[in-house]
Amino acid sequence: MPKLGPDVVTELGLRELLELGHRIVVICLKPPVKKGTVFYGLWGIRCVSGDGESDRVLVISMRSSKIPDRPRVFKTLNGVASFLYSLDFGTVCIPMHEGRSAIHTPSQDRTAES
């Protein structure tokens, strides 16, 4: 895993942590507004260990160490769903109210689809 601060993780690191039993928490940062057929809002992702001791924010992968870590924020409902699907979550739950969160556990998701 790349060397980052103790409370952040990149997408590559997130994939590795999921294999080790970590969970993903999707947090609604700004309630969505529907424009046409698309919901626009703000959502963030956290990665939490099974025992709850480790809690990391998903950040944008930067190549330069001069640029500080920036949280990765999703601006559309479809963007969040697509990201979770790319991580092999076949079932997703995305909170629609500010401050609310939804937990995604890889092992539960794979069991539910069987």
PDB file of N, CA and C in Angstrom:
ATOM      1  N   MET A   1       0.847  -1.176   0.000  1.00  0.00           N
ATOM      2  CA  MET A   1       0.000   0.000   0.000  1.00  0.00           C
ATOM      3  C   MET A   1       0.895   1.243   0.000  1.00  0.00           C
ATOM      4  N   PRO A   2       0.507   2.293  -0.745  1.00  0.00           N
ATOM      5  CA  PRO A   2       1.316   3.507  -0.776  1.00  0.00           C
ATOM      6  C   PRO A   2       1.417   4.148   0.605  1.00  0.00           C
ATOM      7  N   LYS A   3       2.534   4.834   0.859  1.00  0.00           N
ATOM      8  CA  LYS A   3       2.728   5.527   2.133  1.00  0.00           C
ATOM      9  C   LYS A   3       1.939   6.830   2.132  1.00  0.00           C
ATOM     10  N   LEU A   4       0.928   6.893   2.947  1.00  0.00           N
ATOM     11  CA  LEU A   4       0.098   8.084   3.103  1.00  0.00           C
ATOM     12  C   LEU A   4      -0.076   8.335   4.586  1.00  0.00           C
ATOM     13  N   GLY A   5      -0.801   9.400   4.902  1.00  0.00           N
ATOM     14  CA  GLY A   5      -1.120   9.661   6.296  1.00  0.00           C
ATOM     15  C   GLY A   5      -1.917   8.502   6.875  1.00  0.00           C
ATOM     16  N   PRO A   6      -1.922   8.368   8.189  1.00  0.00           N
ATOM     17  CA  PRO A   6      -2.601   7.229   8.817  1.00  0.00           C
ATOM     18  C   PRO A   6      -4.119   7.249   8.679  1.00  0.00           C
ATOM     19  N   ASP A   7      -4.679   8.390   8.320  1.00  0.00           N
ATOM     20  CA  ASP A   7      -6.136   8.488   8.271  1.00  0.00           C
ATOM     21  C   ASP A   7      -6.680   8.641   6.855  1.00  0.00           C
ATOM     22  N   VAL A   8      -5.858   8.347   5.833  1.00  0.00           N
ATOM     23  CA  VAL A   8      -6.306   8.443   4.450  1.00  0.00           C
ATOM     24  C   VAL A   8      -5.931   7.180   3.686  1.00  0.00           C
ATOM     25  N   VAL A   9      -6.627   6.965   2.552  1.00  0.00           N
ATOM     26  CA  VAL A   9      -6.354   5.803   1.710  1.00  0.00           C
ATOM     27  C   VAL A   9      -6.713   6.159   0.264  1.00  0.00           C
ATOM     28  N   THR A  10      -5.930   5.650  -0.674  1.00  0.00           N
ATOM     29  CA  THR A  10      -6.233   5.839  -2.097  1.00  0.00           C
ATOM     30  C   THR A  10      -7.124   4.685  -2.553  1.00  0.00           C
ATOM     31  N   GLU A  11      -7.604   4.758  -3.790  1.00  0.00           N
ATOM     32  CA  GLU A  11      -8.454   3.678  -4.305  1.00  0.00           C
ATOM     33  C   GLU A  11      -7.719   2.344  -4.301  1.00  0.00           C
ATOM     34  N   LEU A  12      -6.450   2.333  -4.690  1.00  0.00           N
ATOM     35  CA  LEU A  12      -5.675   1.092  -4.697  1.00  0.00           C
ATOM     36  C   LEU A  12      -5.565   0.526  -3.285  1.00  0.00           C
ATOM     37  N   GLY A  13      -5.254   1.388  -2.324  1.00  0.00           N
ATOM     38  CA  GLY A  13      -5.175   0.949  -0.934  1.00  0.00           C
ATOM     39  C   GLY A  13      -6.516   0.476  -0.405  1.00  0.00           C
ATOM     40  N   LEU A  14      -7.583   1.129  -0.832  1.00  0.00           N
ATOM     41  CA  LEU A  14      -8.930   0.747  -0.421  1.00  0.00           C
ATOM     42  C   LEU A  14      -9.243  -0.668  -0.877  1.00  0.00           C
ATOM     43  N   ARG A  15      -8.892  -0.983  -2.115  1.00  0.00           N
ATOM     44  CA  ARG A  15      -9.123  -2.334  -2.642  1.00  0.00           C
ATOM     45  C   ARG A  15      -8.377  -3.378  -1.806  1.00  0.00           C
ATOM     46  N   GLU A  16      -7.143  -3.057  -1.419  1.00  0.00           N
ATOM     47  CA  GLU A  16      -6.365  -3.970  -0.582  1.00  0.00           C
ATOM     48  C   GLU A  16      -7.002  -4.145   0.795  1.00  0.00           C
ATOM     49  N   LEU A  17      -7.457  -3.052   1.376  1.00  0.00           N
ATOM     50  CA  LEU A  17      -8.073  -3.125   2.705  1.00  0.00           C
ATOM     51  C   LEU A  17      -9.389  -3.898   2.681  1.00  0.00           C
ATOM     52  N   LEU A  18     -10.149  -3.790   1.599  1.00  0.00           N
ATOM     53  CA  LEU A  18     -11.395  -4.557   1.484  1.00  0.00           C
ATOM     54  C   LEU A  18     -11.106  -6.056   1.510  1.00  0.00           C
ATOM     55  N   GLU A  19     -10.003  -6.449   0.891  1.00  0.00           N
ATOM     56  CA  GLU A  19      -9.608  -7.863   0.904  1.00  0.00           C
ATOM     57  C   GLU A  19      -9.252  -8.330   2.322  1.00  0.00           C
ATOM     58  N   LEU A  20      -8.866  -7.386   3.167  1.00  0.00           N
ATOM     59  CA  LEU A  20      -8.496  -7.713   4.551  1.00  0.00           C
ATOM     60  C   LEU A  20      -9.677  -7.615   5.517  1.00  0.00           C
ATOM     61  N   GLY A  21     -10.878  -7.363   4.970  1.00  0.00           N
ATOM     62  CA  GLY A  21     -12.067  -7.344   5.819  1.00  0.00           C
ATOM     63  C   GLY A  21     -12.579  -5.975   6.223  1.00  0.00           C
ATOM     64  N   HIS A  22     -12.015  -4.917   5.673  1.00  0.00           N
ATOM     65  CA  HIS A  22     -12.512  -3.574   5.978  1.00  0.00           C
ATOM     66  C   HIS A  22     -13.860  -3.343   5.305  1.00  0.00           C
ATOM     67  N   ARG A  23     -14.585  -2.374   5.820  1.00  0.00           N
ATOM     68  CA  ARG A  23     -15.899  -2.000   5.269  1.00  0.00           C
ATOM     69  C   ARG A  23     -15.818  -0.611   4.674  1.00  0.00           C
ATOM     70  N   ILE A  24     -16.784  -0.310   3.813  1.00  0.00           N
ATOM     71  CA  ILE A  24     -16.895   1.024   3.240  1.00  0.00           C
ATOM     72  C   ILE A  24     -18.107   1.706   3.851  1.00  0.00           C
ATOM     73  N   VAL A  25     -17.931   2.973   4.208  1.00  0.00           N
ATOM     74  CA  VAL A  25     -19.032   3.782   4.701  1.00  0.00           C
ATOM     75  C   VAL A  25     -19.215   4.928   3.710  1.00  0.00           C
ATOM     76  N   VAL A  26     -20.412   5.028   3.141  1.00  0.00           N
ATOM     77  CA  VAL A  26     -20.751   6.129   2.237  1.00  0.00           C
ATOM     78  C   VAL A  26     -21.478   7.175   3.072  1.00  0.00           C
ATOM     79  N   ILE A  27     -21.002   8.416   3.007  1.00  0.00           N
ATOM     80  CA  ILE A  27     -21.575   9.497   3.814  1.00  0.00           C
ATOM     81  C   ILE A  27     -22.130  10.582   2.889  1.00  0.00           C
ATOM     82  N   CYS A  28     -23.366  10.997   3.144  1.00  0.00           N
ATOM     83  CA  CYS A  28     -23.960  12.093   2.375  1.00  0.00           C
ATOM     84  C   CYS A  28     -23.472  13.412   2.976  1.00  0.00           C
ATOM     85  N   LEU A  29     -22.739  14.176   2.167  1.00  0.00           N
ATOM     86  CA  LEU A  29     -22.192  15.453   2.616  1.00  0.00           C
ATOM     87  C   LEU A  29     -23.094  16.621   2.257  1.00  0.00           C
ATOM     88  N   LYS A  30     -23.869  16.452   1.192  1.00  0.00           N
ATOM     89  CA  LYS A  30     -24.816  17.474   0.751  1.00  0.00           C
ATOM     90  C   LYS A  30     -26.000  16.747   0.124  1.00  0.00           C
ATOM     91  N   PRO A  31     -27.213  17.011   0.574  1.00  0.00           N
ATOM     92  CA  PRO A  31     -28.369  16.278   0.056  1.00  0.00           C
ATOM     93  C   PRO A  31     -28.520  16.479  -1.456  1.00  0.00           C
ATOM     94  N   PRO A  32     -28.897  15.422  -2.156  1.00  0.00           N
ATOM     95  CA  PRO A  32     -29.009  15.524  -3.605  1.00  0.00           C
ATOM     96  C   PRO A  32     -30.234  16.312  -4.066  1.00  0.00           C
ATOM     97  N   VAL A  33     -30.076  16.886  -5.251  1.00  0.00           N
ATOM     98  CA  VAL A  33     -31.144  17.593  -5.939  1.00  0.00           C
ATOM     99  C   VAL A  33     -31.290  16.926  -7.296  1.00  0.00           C
ATOM    100  N   LYS A  34     -32.530  16.646  -7.689  1.00  0.00           N
ATOM    101  CA  LYS A  34     -32.755  15.985  -8.971  1.00  0.00           C
ATOM    102  C   LYS A  34     -32.857  17.030 -10.074  1.00  0.00           C
ATOM    103  N   LYS A  35     -32.014  16.868 -11.098  1.00  0.00           N
ATOM    104  CA  LYS A  35     -32.046  17.729 -12.279  1.00  0.00           C
ATOM    105  C   LYS A  35     -32.196  16.814 -13.481  1.00  0.00           C
ATOM    106  N   GLY A  36     -33.364  16.839 -14.084  1.00  0.00           N
ATOM    107  CA  GLY A  36     -33.644  15.897 -15.173  1.00  0.00           C
ATOM    108  C   GLY A  36     -33.741  14.497 -14.603  1.00  0.00           C
ATOM    109  N   THR A  37     -32.874  13.623 -15.067  1.00  0.00           N
ATOM    110  CA  THR A  37     -32.880  12.242 -14.575  1.00  0.00           C
ATOM    111  C   THR A  37     -31.691  11.946 -13.659  1.00  0.00           C
ATOM    112  N   VAL A  38     -30.948  12.984 -13.276  1.00  0.00           N
ATOM    113  CA  VAL A  38     -29.726  12.801 -12.489  1.00  0.00           C
ATOM    114  C   VAL A  38     -29.865  13.468 -11.121  1.00  0.00           C
ATOM    115  N   PHE A  39     -29.395  12.772 -10.081  1.00  0.00           N
ATOM    116  CA  PHE A  39     -29.333  13.343  -8.739  1.00  0.00           C
ATOM    117  C   PHE A  39     -27.928  13.888  -8.506  1.00  0.00           C
ATOM    118  N   TYR A  40     -27.837  15.199  -8.193  1.00  0.00           N
ATOM    119  CA  TYR A  40     -26.570  15.852  -7.892  1.00  0.00           C
ATOM    120  C   TYR A  40     -26.516  16.155  -6.404  1.00  0.00           C
ATOM    121  N   GLY A  41     -25.422  15.785  -5.761  1.00  0.00           N
ATOM    122  CA  GLY A  41     -25.215  16.055  -4.346  1.00  0.00           C
ATOM    123  C   GLY A  41     -23.731  15.905  -4.069  1.00  0.00           C
ATOM    124  N   LEU A  42     -23.371  15.595  -2.844  1.00  0.00           N
ATOM    125  CA  LEU A  42     -21.983  15.309  -2.501  1.00  0.00           C
ATOM    126  C   LEU A  42     -21.943  14.117  -1.556  1.00  0.00           C
ATOM    127  N   TRP A  43     -21.102  13.143  -1.889  1.00  0.00           N
ATOM    128  CA  TRP A  43     -20.919  11.966  -1.054  1.00  0.00           C
ATOM    129  C   TRP A  43     -19.440  11.707  -0.863  1.00  0.00           C
ATOM    130  N   GLY A  44     -19.080  11.245   0.317  1.00  0.00           N
ATOM    131  CA  GLY A  44     -17.706  10.868   0.626  1.00  0.00           C
ATOM    132  C   GLY A  44     -17.653   9.399   1.003  1.00  0.00           C
ATOM    133  N   ILE A  45     -16.448   8.850   0.977  1.00  0.00           N
ATOM    134  CA  ILE A  45     -16.235   7.435   1.297  1.00  0.00           C
ATOM    135  C   ILE A  45     -15.210   7.335   2.417  1.00  0.00           C
ATOM    136  N   ARG A  46     -15.514   6.487   3.382  1.00  0.00           N
ATOM    137  CA  ARG A  46     -14.561   6.157   4.448  1.00  0.00           C
ATOM    138  C   ARG A  46     -14.353   4.653   4.443  1.00  0.00           C
ATOM    139  N   CYS A  47     -13.189   4.235   4.868  1.00  0.00           N
ATOM    140  CA  CYS A  47     -12.867   2.814   4.980  1.00  0.00           C
ATOM    141  C   CYS A  47     -12.626   2.520   6.455  1.00  0.00           C
ATOM    142  N   VAL A  48     -13.383   1.579   6.994  1.00  0.00           N
ATOM    143  CA  VAL A  48     -13.323   1.281   8.426  1.00  0.00           C
ATOM    144  C   VAL A  48     -12.967  -0.188   8.621  1.00  0.00           C
ATOM    145  N   SER A  49     -12.051  -0.447   9.532  1.00  0.00           N
ATOM    146  CA  SER A  49     -11.666  -1.830   9.825  1.00  0.00           C
ATOM    147  C   SER A  49     -12.814  -2.566  10.496  1.00  0.00           C
ATOM    148  N   GLY A  50     -12.756  -3.888  10.454  1.00  0.00           N
ATOM    149  CA  GLY A  50     -13.807  -4.714  11.045  1.00  0.00           C
ATOM    150  C   GLY A  50     -14.028  -4.441  12.521  1.00  0.00           C
ATOM    151  N   ASP A  51     -12.950  -4.116  13.240  1.00  0.00           N
ATOM    152  CA  ASP A  51     -13.080  -3.844  14.672  1.00  0.00           C
ATOM    153  C   ASP A  51     -13.377  -2.372  14.973  1.00  0.00           C
ATOM    154  N   GLY A  52     -13.411  -1.540  13.915  1.00  0.00           N
ATOM    155  CA  GLY A  52     -13.723  -0.131  14.089  1.00  0.00           C
ATOM    156  C   GLY A  52     -12.566   0.734  14.551  1.00  0.00           C
ATOM    157  N   GLU A  53     -11.396   0.130  14.749  1.00  0.00           N
ATOM    158  CA  GLU A  53     -10.238   0.875  15.251  1.00  0.00           C
ATOM    159  C   GLU A  53      -9.615   1.788  14.195  1.00  0.00           C
ATOM    160  N   SER A  54      -9.623   1.354  12.937  1.00  0.00           N
ATOM    161  CA  SER A  54      -9.020   2.133  11.860  1.00  0.00           C
ATOM    162  C   SER A  54     -10.111   2.756  11.000  1.00  0.00           C
ATOM    163  N   ASP A  55     -10.011   4.063  10.774  1.00  0.00           N
ATOM    164  CA  ASP A  55     -11.004   4.799   9.997  1.00  0.00           C
ATOM    165  C   ASP A  55     -10.251   5.725   9.050  1.00  0.00           C
ATOM    166  N   ARG A  56     -10.369   5.489   7.744  1.00  0.00           N
ATOM    167  CA  ARG A  56      -9.619   6.261   6.759  1.00  0.00           C
ATOM    168  C   ARG A  56     -10.546   6.905   5.742  1.00  0.00           C
ATOM    169  N   VAL A  57     -10.178   8.089   5.281  1.00  0.00           N
ATOM    170  CA  VAL A  57     -10.925   8.817   4.260  1.00  0.00           C
ATOM    171  C   VAL A  57     -10.332   8.470   2.895  1.00  0.00           C
ATOM    172  N   LEU A  58     -11.194   8.186   1.926  1.00  0.00           N
ATOM    173  CA  LEU A  58     -10.738   7.956   0.565  1.00  0.00           C
ATOM    174  C   LEU A  58     -10.277   9.287  -0.016  1.00  0.00           C
ATOM    175  N   VAL A  59      -9.044   9.306  -0.552  1.00  0.00           N
ATOM    176  CA  VAL A  59      -8.495  10.527  -1.128  1.00  0.00           C
ATOM    177  C   VAL A  59      -8.151  10.322  -2.592  1.00  0.00           C
ATOM    178  N   ILE A  60      -8.015  11.437  -3.288  1.00  0.00           N
ATOM    179  CA  ILE A  60      -7.602  11.411  -4.685  1.00  0.00           C
ATOM    180  C   ILE A  60      -6.131  11.032  -4.720  1.00  0.00           C
ATOM    181  N   SER A  61      -5.774  10.128  -5.608  1.00  0.00           N
ATOM    182  CA  SER A  61      -4.394   9.683  -5.742  1.00  0.00           C
ATOM    183  C   SER A  61      -3.569  10.766  -6.429  1.00  0.00           C
ATOM    184  N   MET A  62      -2.633  11.319  -5.705  1.00  0.00           N
ATOM    185  CA  MET A  62      -1.771  12.372  -6.248  1.00  0.00           C
ATOM    186  C   MET A  62      -0.375  11.808  -6.480  1.00  0.00           C
ATOM    187  N   ARG A  63       0.257  12.248  -7.536  1.00  0.00           N
ATOM    188  CA  ARG A  63       1.611  11.779  -7.847  1.00  0.00           C
ATOM    189  C   ARG A  63       2.663  12.626  -7.158  1.00  0.00           C
ATOM    190  N   SER A  64       2.334  13.837  -6.820  1.00  0.00           N
ATOM    191  CA  SER A  64       3.303  14.735  -6.207  1.00  0.00           C
ATOM    192  C   SER A  64       3.063  14.810  -4.707  1.00  0.00           C
ATOM    193  N   SER A  65       4.125  14.658  -3.954  1.00  0.00           N
ATOM    194  CA  SER A  65       3.973  14.748  -2.496  1.00  0.00           C
ATOM    195  C   SER A  65       3.810  16.193  -2.045  1.00  0.00           C
ATOM    196  N   LYS A  66       3.987  17.154  -2.970  1.00  0.00           N
ATOM    197  CA  LYS A  66       3.830  18.562  -2.634  1.00  0.00           C
ATOM    198  C   LYS A  66       2.360  18.951  -2.507  1.00  0.00           C
ATOM    199  N   ILE A  67       1.489  18.151  -3.126  1.00  0.00           N
ATOM    200  CA  ILE A  67       0.061  18.445  -3.088  1.00  0.00           C
ATOM    201  C   ILE A  67      -0.554  17.670  -1.918  1.00  0.00           C
ATOM    202  N   PRO A  68      -1.216  18.350  -0.999  1.00  0.00           N
ATOM    203  CA  PRO A  68      -1.818  17.642   0.142  1.00  0.00           C
ATOM    204  C   PRO A  68      -2.960  16.720  -0.309  1.00  0.00           C
ATOM    205  N   ASP A  69      -3.195  15.699   0.480  1.00  0.00           N
ATOM    206  CA  ASP A  69      -4.283  14.764   0.186  1.00  0.00           C
ATOM    207  C   ASP A  69      -5.612  15.504   0.175  1.00  0.00           C
ATOM    208  N   ARG A  70      -6.424  15.240  -0.863  1.00  0.00           N
ATOM    209  CA  ARG A  70      -7.764  15.823  -0.941  1.00  0.00           C
ATOM    210  C   ARG A  70      -8.776  14.689  -0.916  1.00  0.00           C
ATOM    211  N   PRO A  71      -9.802  14.796  -0.087  1.00  0.00           N
ATOM    212  CA  PRO A  71     -10.828  13.756  -0.065  1.00  0.00           C
ATOM    213  C   PRO A  71     -11.465  13.598  -1.450  1.00  0.00           C
ATOM    214  N   ARG A  72     -11.716  12.359  -1.821  1.00  0.00           N
ATOM    215  CA  ARG A  72     -12.421  12.107  -3.072  1.00  0.00           C
ATOM    216  C   ARG A  72     -13.905  12.281  -2.799  1.00  0.00           C
ATOM    217  N   VAL A  73     -14.539  13.160  -3.554  1.00  0.00           N
ATOM    218  CA  VAL A  73     -15.954  13.461  -3.377  1.00  0.00           C
ATOM    219  C   VAL A  73     -16.691  13.120  -4.658  1.00  0.00           C
ATOM    220  N   PHE A  74     -17.813  12.460  -4.510  1.00  0.00           N
ATOM    221  CA  PHE A  74     -18.645  12.089  -5.657  1.00  0.00           C
ATOM    222  C   PHE A  74     -19.788  13.076  -5.752  1.00  0.00           C
ATOM    223  N   LYS A  75     -20.044  13.578  -6.965  1.00  0.00           N
ATOM    224  CA  LYS A  75     -21.040  14.628  -7.152  1.00  0.00           C
ATOM    225  C   LYS A  75     -22.372  14.130  -7.684  1.00  0.00           C
ATOM    226  N   THR A  76     -22.425  12.862  -8.119  1.00  0.00           N
ATOM    227  CA  THR A  76     -23.692  12.307  -8.605  1.00  0.00           C
ATOM    228  C   THR A  76     -23.962  10.960  -7.959  1.00  0.00           C
ATOM    229  N   LEU A  77     -25.229  10.643  -7.860  1.00  0.00           N
ATOM    230  CA  LEU A  77     -25.653   9.346  -7.342  1.00  0.00           C
ATOM    231  C   LEU A  77     -25.071   8.228  -8.205  1.00  0.00           C
ATOM    232  N   ASN A  78     -25.089   8.448  -9.521  1.00  0.00           N
ATOM    233  CA  ASN A  78     -24.544   7.458 -10.451  1.00  0.00           C
ATOM    234  C   ASN A  78     -23.044   7.266 -10.244  1.00  0.00           C
ATOM    235  N   GLY A  79     -22.337   8.346  -9.927  1.00  0.00           N
ATOM    236  CA  GLY A  79     -20.901   8.243  -9.679  1.00  0.00           C
ATOM    237  C   GLY A  79     -20.588   7.370  -8.479  1.00  0.00           C
ATOM    238  N   VAL A  80     -21.355   7.524  -7.399  1.00  0.00           N
ATOM    239  CA  VAL A  80     -21.155   6.706  -6.199  1.00  0.00           C
ATOM    240  C   VAL A  80     -21.471   5.237  -6.515  1.00  0.00           C
ATOM    241  N   ALA A  81     -22.611   5.017  -7.162  1.00  0.00           N
ATOM    242  CA  ALA A  81     -23.023   3.643  -7.488  1.00  0.00           C
ATOM    243  C   ALA A  81     -22.000   2.975  -8.408  1.00  0.00           C
ATOM    244  N   SER A  82     -21.513   3.693  -9.396  1.00  0.00           N
ATOM    245  CA  SER A  82     -20.524   3.133 -10.324  1.00  0.00           C
ATOM    246  C   SER A  82     -19.230   2.781  -9.598  1.00  0.00           C
ATOM    247  N   PHE A  83     -18.806   3.644  -8.675  1.00  0.00           N
ATOM    248  CA  PHE A  83     -17.588   3.377  -7.918  1.00  0.00           C
ATOM    249  C   PHE A  83     -17.750   2.122  -7.062  1.00  0.00           C
ATOM    250  N   LEU A  84     -18.868   2.023  -6.344  1.00  0.00           N
ATOM    251  CA  LEU A  84     -19.093   0.844  -5.499  1.00  0.00           C
ATOM    252  C   LEU A  84     -19.176  -0.425  -6.338  1.00  0.00           C
ATOM    253  N   TYR A  85     -19.808  -0.341  -7.497  1.00  0.00           N
ATOM    254  CA  TYR A  85     -19.905  -1.495  -8.388  1.00  0.00           C
ATOM    255  C   TYR A  85     -18.517  -1.916  -8.876  1.00  0.00           C
ATOM    256  N   SER A  86     -17.641  -0.938  -9.126  1.00  0.00           N
ATOM    257  CA  SER A  86     -16.278  -1.256  -9.570  1.00  0.00           C
ATOM    258  C   SER A  86     -15.483  -1.968  -8.480  1.00  0.00           C
ATOM    259  N   LEU A  87     -15.937  -1.846  -7.229  1.00  0.00           N
ATOM    260  CA  LEU A  87     -15.300  -2.536  -6.105  1.00  0.00           C
ATOM    261  C   LEU A  87     -15.965  -3.885  -5.814  1.00  0.00           C
ATOM    262  N   ASP A  88     -16.813  -4.349  -6.731  1.00  0.00           N
ATOM    263  CA  ASP A  88     -17.515  -5.640  -6.637  1.00  0.00           C
ATOM    264  C   ASP A  88     -18.684  -5.651  -5.663  1.00  0.00           C
ATOM    265  N   PHE A  89     -19.241  -4.481  -5.350  1.00  0.00           N
ATOM    266  CA  PHE A  89     -20.467  -4.444  -4.565  1.00  0.00           C
ATOM    267  C   PHE A  89     -21.629  -4.511  -5.548  1.00  0.00           C
ATOM    268  N   GLY A  90     -22.359  -5.613  -5.520  1.00  0.00           N
ATOM    269  CA  GLY A  90     -23.493  -5.782  -6.423  1.00  0.00           C
ATOM    270  C   GLY A  90     -24.762  -5.141  -5.894  1.00  0.00           C
ATOM    271  N   THR A  91     -24.775  -4.859  -4.601  1.00  0.00           N
ATOM    272  CA  THR A  91     -25.917  -4.201  -3.967  1.00  0.00           C
ATOM    273  C   THR A  91     -25.388  -2.958  -3.273  1.00  0.00           C
ATOM    274  N   VAL A  92     -25.990  -1.797  -3.558  1.00  0.00           N
ATOM    275  CA  VAL A  92     -25.509  -0.565  -2.937  1.00  0.00           C
ATOM    276  C   VAL A  92     -26.652   0.166  -2.245  1.00  0.00           C
ATOM    277  N   CYS A  93     -26.292   0.865  -1.193  1.00  0.00           N
ATOM    278  CA  CYS A  93     -27.227   1.708  -0.457  1.00  0.00           C
ATOM    279  C   CYS A  93     -26.541   3.061  -0.329  1.00  0.00           C
ATOM    280  N   ILE A  94     -27.207   4.100  -0.828  1.00  0.00           N
ATOM    281  CA  ILE A  94     -26.607   5.430  -0.831  1.00  0.00           C
ATOM    282  C   ILE A  94     -27.512   6.380  -0.053  1.00  0.00           C
ATOM    283  N   PRO A  95     -26.992   6.964   1.026  1.00  0.00           N
ATOM    284  CA  PRO A  95     -27.812   7.875   1.831  1.00  0.00           C
ATOM    285  C   PRO A  95     -28.160   9.146   1.057  1.00  0.00           C
ATOM    286  N   MET A  96     -29.376   9.630   1.273  1.00  0.00           N
ATOM    287  CA  MET A  96     -29.869  10.799   0.543  1.00  0.00           C
ATOM    288  C   MET A  96     -30.066  12.027   1.444  1.00  0.00           C
ATOM    289  N   HIS A  97     -29.748  11.907   2.725  1.00  0.00           N
ATOM    290  CA  HIS A  97     -29.900  13.023   3.665  1.00  0.00           C
ATOM    291  C   HIS A  97     -28.544  13.366   4.269  1.00  0.00           C
ATOM    292  N   GLU A  98     -28.251  14.652   4.360  1.00  0.00           N
ATOM    293  CA  GLU A  98     -26.969  15.114   4.873  1.00  0.00           C
ATOM    294  C   GLU A  98     -26.672  14.527   6.252  1.00  0.00           C
ATOM    295  N   GLY A  99     -25.449  14.022   6.390  1.00  0.00           N
ATOM    296  CA  GLY A  99     -25.014  13.448   7.651  1.00  0.00           C
ATOM    297  C   GLY A  99     -25.318  11.973   7.815  1.00  0.00           C
ATOM    298  N   ARG A 100     -26.183  11.443   6.988  1.00  0.00           N
ATOM    299  CA  ARG A 100     -26.511  10.016   7.077  1.00  0.00           C
ATOM    300  C   ARG A 100     -25.431   9.198   6.378  1.00  0.00           C
ATOM    301  N   SER A 101     -25.331   7.922   6.759  1.00  0.00           N
ATOM    302  CA  SER A 101     -24.318   7.054   6.158  1.00  0.00           C
ATOM    303  C   SER A 101     -24.876   5.660   5.926  1.00  0.00           C
ATOM    304  N   ALA A 102     -24.194   4.915   5.079  1.00  0.00           N
ATOM    305  CA  ALA A 102     -24.566   3.536   4.780  1.00  0.00           C
ATOM    306  C   ALA A 102     -23.292   2.699   4.743  1.00  0.00           C
ATOM    307  N   ILE A 103     -23.334   1.549   5.402  1.00  0.00           N
ATOM    308  CA  ILE A 103     -22.165   0.666   5.491  1.00  0.00           C
ATOM    309  C   ILE A 103     -22.277  -0.433   4.451  1.00  0.00           C
ATOM    310  N   HIS A 104     -21.162  -0.703   3.784  1.00  0.00           N
ATOM    311  CA  HIS A 104     -21.090  -1.776   2.790  1.00  0.00           C
ATOM    312  C   HIS A 104     -19.991  -2.744   3.211  1.00  0.00           C
ATOM    313  N   THR A 105     -20.367  -4.003   3.395  1.00  0.00           N
ATOM    314  CA  THR A 105     -19.419  -5.040   3.791  1.00  0.00           C
ATOM    315  C   THR A 105     -19.293  -6.036   2.645  1.00  0.00           C
ATOM    316  N   PRO A 106     -18.089  -6.204   2.099  1.00  0.00           N
ATOM    317  CA  PRO A 106     -17.915  -7.069   0.927  1.00  0.00           C
ATOM    318  C   PRO A 106     -18.439  -8.490   1.108  1.00  0.00           C
ATOM    319  N   SER A 107     -18.163  -9.115   2.235  1.00  0.00           N
ATOM    320  CA  SER A 107     -18.570 -10.510   2.423  1.00  0.00           C
ATOM    321  C   SER A 107     -20.084 -10.651   2.463  1.00  0.00           C
ATOM    322  N   GLN A 108     -20.779  -9.698   3.096  1.00  0.00           N
ATOM    323  CA  GLN A 108     -22.246  -9.742   3.137  1.00  0.00           C
ATOM    324  C   GLN A 108     -22.812  -9.570   1.744  1.00  0.00           C
ATOM    325  N   ASP A 109     -22.227  -8.685   0.956  1.00  0.00           N
ATOM    326  CA  ASP A 109     -22.720  -8.410  -0.390  1.00  0.00           C
ATOM    327  C   ASP A 109     -22.597  -9.648  -1.272  1.00  0.00           C
ATOM    328  N   ARG A 110     -21.460 -10.324  -1.192  1.00  0.00           N
ATOM    329  CA  ARG A 110     -21.264 -11.507  -2.035  1.00  0.00           C
ATOM    330  C   ARG A 110     -22.206 -12.638  -1.614  1.00  0.00           C
ATOM    331  N   THR A 111     -22.487 -12.730  -0.329  1.00  0.00           N
ATOM    332  CA  THR A 111     -23.406 -13.759   0.164  1.00  0.00           C
ATOM    333  C   THR A 111     -24.820 -13.478  -0.307  1.00  0.00           C
ATOM    334  N   ALA A 112     -25.213 -12.202  -0.289  1.00  0.00           N
ATOM    335  CA  ALA A 112     -26.590 -11.832  -0.669  1.00  0.00           C
ATOM    336  C   ALA A 112     -26.878 -12.136  -2.120  1.00  0.00           C
ATOM    337  N   GLU A 113     -25.848 -12.125  -2.976  1.00  0.00           N
ATOM    338  CA  GLU A 113     -26.070 -12.364  -4.398  1.00  0.00           C
ATOM    339  C   GLU A 113     -26.087 -13.846  -4.745  1.00  0.00           C
ATOM    340  N   SER A 114     -25.644 -14.693  -3.853  1.00  0.00           N
ATOM    341  CA  SER A 114     -25.565 -16.133  -4.141  1.00  0.00           C
ATOM    342  C   SER A 114     -26.941 -16.752  -4.281  1.00  0.00           C
TER     343      SER A 114
END
